[in-house]
Amino acid sequence: MKKKTKRFDFKPIGQAVKAVRESRGLTREQLAEVMELAPRYIMSIENKGQHPSFQVFYKLVSMFDISVDQYLFPDSPAERSTRRRQLDRLLDSLDEKDY
């Protein structure tokens, strides 16, 4: 008898991608163009939790500085949250004169 494997729920990560994309003022079409994907595929990832390929997954989380630890290991405290990683990136982009 085949053992039934529980499938990972990608929807929270997809929603995080959508939130960051929108906060940066990117449309789904613009992101799809940058990623060389169909806008409909991006919509499925963001809204339906479609499982992307590993390459697409990696590109999305690295492009938007999304920490996946909180999704993959929900019972463990994350070293740095997604929000913290995004704030660190913004702070790192400031010049001394911007302080």
C-alpha atoms as a PDB file:
ATOM      1  CA  MET A   1       0.000   0.000   0.000  1.00  0.00           C
ATOM      2  CA  LYS A   2       1.313   3.432  -0.949  1.00  0.00           C
ATOM      3  CA  LYS A   3       1.873   5.849   1.925  1.00  0.00           C
ATOM      4  CA  LYS A   4       0.046   9.147   1.498  1.00  0.00           C
ATOM      5  CA  THR A   5       2.383  12.134   1.738  1.00  0.00           C
ATOM      6  CA  LYS A   6       1.153  15.452   3.029  1.00  0.00           C
ATOM      7  CA  ARG A   7       1.680  18.177   0.447  1.00  0.00           C
ATOM      8  CA  PHE A   8       3.314  21.456   1.505  1.00  0.00           C
ATOM      9  CA  ASP A   9       0.898  24.415   1.545  1.00  0.00           C
ATOM     10  CA  PHE A  10       2.598  27.015  -0.635  1.00  0.00           C
ATOM     11  CA  LYS A  11      -0.228  29.549  -0.326  1.00  0.00           C
ATOM     12  CA  PRO A  12       1.303  31.603   2.563  1.00  0.00           C
ATOM     13  CA  ILE A  13       4.562  32.014   0.637  1.00  0.00           C
ATOM     14  CA  GLY A  14       2.622  32.968  -2.491  1.00  0.00           C
ATOM     15  CA  GLN A  15       0.731  35.580  -0.497  1.00  0.00           C
ATOM     16  CA  ALA A  16       4.025  36.932   0.874  1.00  0.00           C
ATOM     17  CA  VAL A  17       5.326  37.245  -2.697  1.00  0.00           C
ATOM     18  CA  LYS A  18       2.182  39.146  -3.671  1.00  0.00           C
ATOM     19  CA  ALA A  19       2.420  41.497  -0.673  1.00  0.00           C
ATOM     20  CA  VAL A  20       6.045  42.382  -1.371  1.00  0.00           C
ATOM     21  CA  ARG A  21       5.427  42.745  -5.113  1.00  0.00           C
ATOM     22  CA  GLU A  22       2.559  45.149  -4.460  1.00  0.00           C
ATOM     23  CA  SER A  23       4.519  47.088  -1.823  1.00  0.00           C
ATOM     24  CA  ARG A  24       7.234  47.686  -4.412  1.00  0.00           C
ATOM     25  CA  GLY A  25       4.693  48.949  -6.924  1.00  0.00           C
ATOM     26  CA  LEU A  26       5.184  46.084  -9.372  1.00  0.00           C
ATOM     27  CA  THR A  27       2.300  44.727 -11.373  1.00  0.00           C
ATOM     28  CA  ARG A  28       1.938  41.012 -11.918  1.00  0.00           C
ATOM     29  CA  GLU A  29       2.686  41.615 -15.598  1.00  0.00           C
ATOM     30  CA  GLN A  30       5.931  43.457 -14.794  1.00  0.00           C
ATOM     31  CA  LEU A  31       7.082  40.669 -12.493  1.00  0.00           C
ATOM     32  CA  ALA A  32       6.175  38.056 -15.096  1.00  0.00           C
ATOM     33  CA  GLU A  33       8.216  39.921 -17.693  1.00  0.00           C
ATOM     34  CA  VAL A  34      11.267  40.108 -15.424  1.00  0.00           C
ATOM     35  CA  MET A  35      10.908  36.429 -14.541  1.00  0.00           C
ATOM     36  CA  GLU A  36      10.156  35.445 -18.153  1.00  0.00           C
ATOM     37  CA  LEU A  37       6.943  33.738 -17.057  1.00  0.00           C
ATOM     38  CA  ALA A  38       3.273  34.115 -17.862  1.00  0.00           C
ATOM     39  CA  PRO A  39       1.348  36.559 -15.629  1.00  0.00           C
ATOM     40  CA  ARG A  40      -1.253  33.826 -15.116  1.00  0.00           C
ATOM     41  CA  TYR A  41       1.446  31.554 -13.631  1.00  0.00           C
ATOM     42  CA  ILE A  42       2.454  34.321 -11.181  1.00  0.00           C
ATOM     43  CA  MET A  43      -1.227  34.742 -10.267  1.00  0.00           C
ATOM     44  CA  SER A  44      -1.538  31.004  -9.562  1.00  0.00           C
ATOM     45  CA  ILE A  45       1.501  31.086  -7.289  1.00  0.00           C
ATOM     46  CA  GLU A  46       0.281  34.168  -5.400  1.00  0.00           C
ATOM     47  CA  ASN A  47      -3.418  33.377  -5.082  1.00  0.00           C
ATOM     48  CA  LYS A  48      -3.791  29.618  -5.353  1.00  0.00           C
ATOM     49  CA  GLY A  49      -0.536  28.455  -3.793  1.00  0.00           C
ATOM     50  CA  GLN A  50       0.619  26.660  -6.934  1.00  0.00           C
ATOM     51  CA  HIS A  51       3.961  24.973  -6.368  1.00  0.00           C
ATOM     52  CA  PRO A  52       6.557  26.645  -8.604  1.00  0.00           C
ATOM     53  CA  SER A  53       9.714  24.956  -9.817  1.00  0.00           C
ATOM     54  CA  PHE A  54      12.652  25.276  -7.459  1.00  0.00           C
ATOM     55  CA  GLN A  55      14.310  27.800  -9.803  1.00  0.00           C
ATOM     56  CA  VAL A  56      11.220  30.031  -9.815  1.00  0.00           C
ATOM     57  CA  PHE A  57      10.828  29.645  -6.043  1.00  0.00           C
ATOM     58  CA  TYR A  58      14.469  30.610  -5.439  1.00  0.00           C
ATOM     59  CA  LYS A  59      14.305  33.595  -7.778  1.00  0.00           C
ATOM     60  CA  LEU A  60      11.123  34.934  -6.150  1.00  0.00           C
ATOM     61  CA  VAL A  61      12.284  34.644  -2.535  1.00  0.00           C
ATOM     62  CA  SER A  62      15.746  36.025  -3.281  1.00  0.00           C
ATOM     63  CA  MET A  63      14.405  38.881  -5.465  1.00  0.00           C
ATOM     64  CA  PHE A  64      11.982  39.958  -2.730  1.00  0.00           C
ATOM     65  CA  ASP A  65      14.141  39.070   0.319  1.00  0.00           C
ATOM     66  CA  ILE A  66      11.525  36.695   1.683  1.00  0.00           C
ATOM     67  CA  SER A  67      12.652  34.547   4.597  1.00  0.00           C
ATOM     68  CA  VAL A  68      11.138  31.109   4.078  1.00  0.00           C
ATOM     69  CA  ASP A  69      12.180  29.752   7.480  1.00  0.00           C
ATOM     70  CA  GLN A  70       8.951  30.965   9.063  1.00  0.00           C
ATOM     71  CA  TYR A  71       6.990  28.904   6.506  1.00  0.00           C
ATOM     72  CA  LEU A  72       9.182  25.805   6.367  1.00  0.00           C
ATOM     73  CA  PHE A  73       9.845  25.596  10.114  1.00  0.00           C
ATOM     74  CA  PRO A  74       6.848  27.291  11.758  1.00  0.00           C
ATOM     75  CA  ASP A  75       7.662  25.934  15.234  1.00  0.00           C
ATOM     76  CA  SER A  76      11.205  27.352  15.233  1.00  0.00           C
ATOM     77  CA  PRO A  77      11.949  31.029  15.754  1.00  0.00           C
ATOM     78  CA  ALA A  78      13.227  32.611  12.530  1.00  0.00           C
ATOM     79  CA  GLU A  79      16.689  34.117  12.613  1.00  0.00           C
ATOM     80  CA  ARG A  80      15.502  37.121  10.603  1.00  0.00           C
ATOM     81  CA  SER A  81      11.942  37.698   9.473  1.00  0.00           C
ATOM     82  CA  THR A  82      11.001  38.726   5.968  1.00  0.00           C
ATOM     83  CA  ARG A  83      10.215  42.258   7.152  1.00  0.00           C
ATOM     84  CA  ARG A  84      13.622  42.478   8.893  1.00  0.00           C
ATOM     85  CA  ARG A  85      15.452  41.295   5.767  1.00  0.00           C
ATOM     86  CA  GLN A  86      13.633  43.885   3.649  1.00  0.00           C
ATOM     87  CA  LEU A  87      14.395  46.688   6.119  1.00  0.00           C
ATOM     88  CA  ASP A  88      18.056  45.658   6.247  1.00  0.00           C
ATOM     89  CA  ARG A  89      18.209  45.793   2.435  1.00  0.00           C
ATOM     90  CA  LEU A  90      16.722  49.301   2.440  1.00  0.00           C
ATOM     91  CA  LEU A  91      19.105  50.491   5.140  1.00  0.00           C
ATOM     92  CA  ASP A  92      22.071  49.021   3.274  1.00  0.00           C
ATOM     93  CA  SER A  93      21.075  50.993   0.177  1.00  0.00           C
ATOM     94  CA  LEU A  94      21.286  54.377   1.976  1.00  0.00           C
ATOM     95  CA  ASP A  95      24.307  56.650   1.596  1.00  0.00           C
ATOM     96  CA  GLU A  96      25.931  58.324   4.588  1.00  0.00           C
ATOM     97  CA  LYS A  97      24.276  61.594   3.507  1.00  0.00           C
ATOM     98  CA  ASP A  98      20.845  59.905   3.728  1.00  0.00           C
ATOM     99  CA  TYR A  99      21.158  59.332   7.465  1.00  0.00           C
END
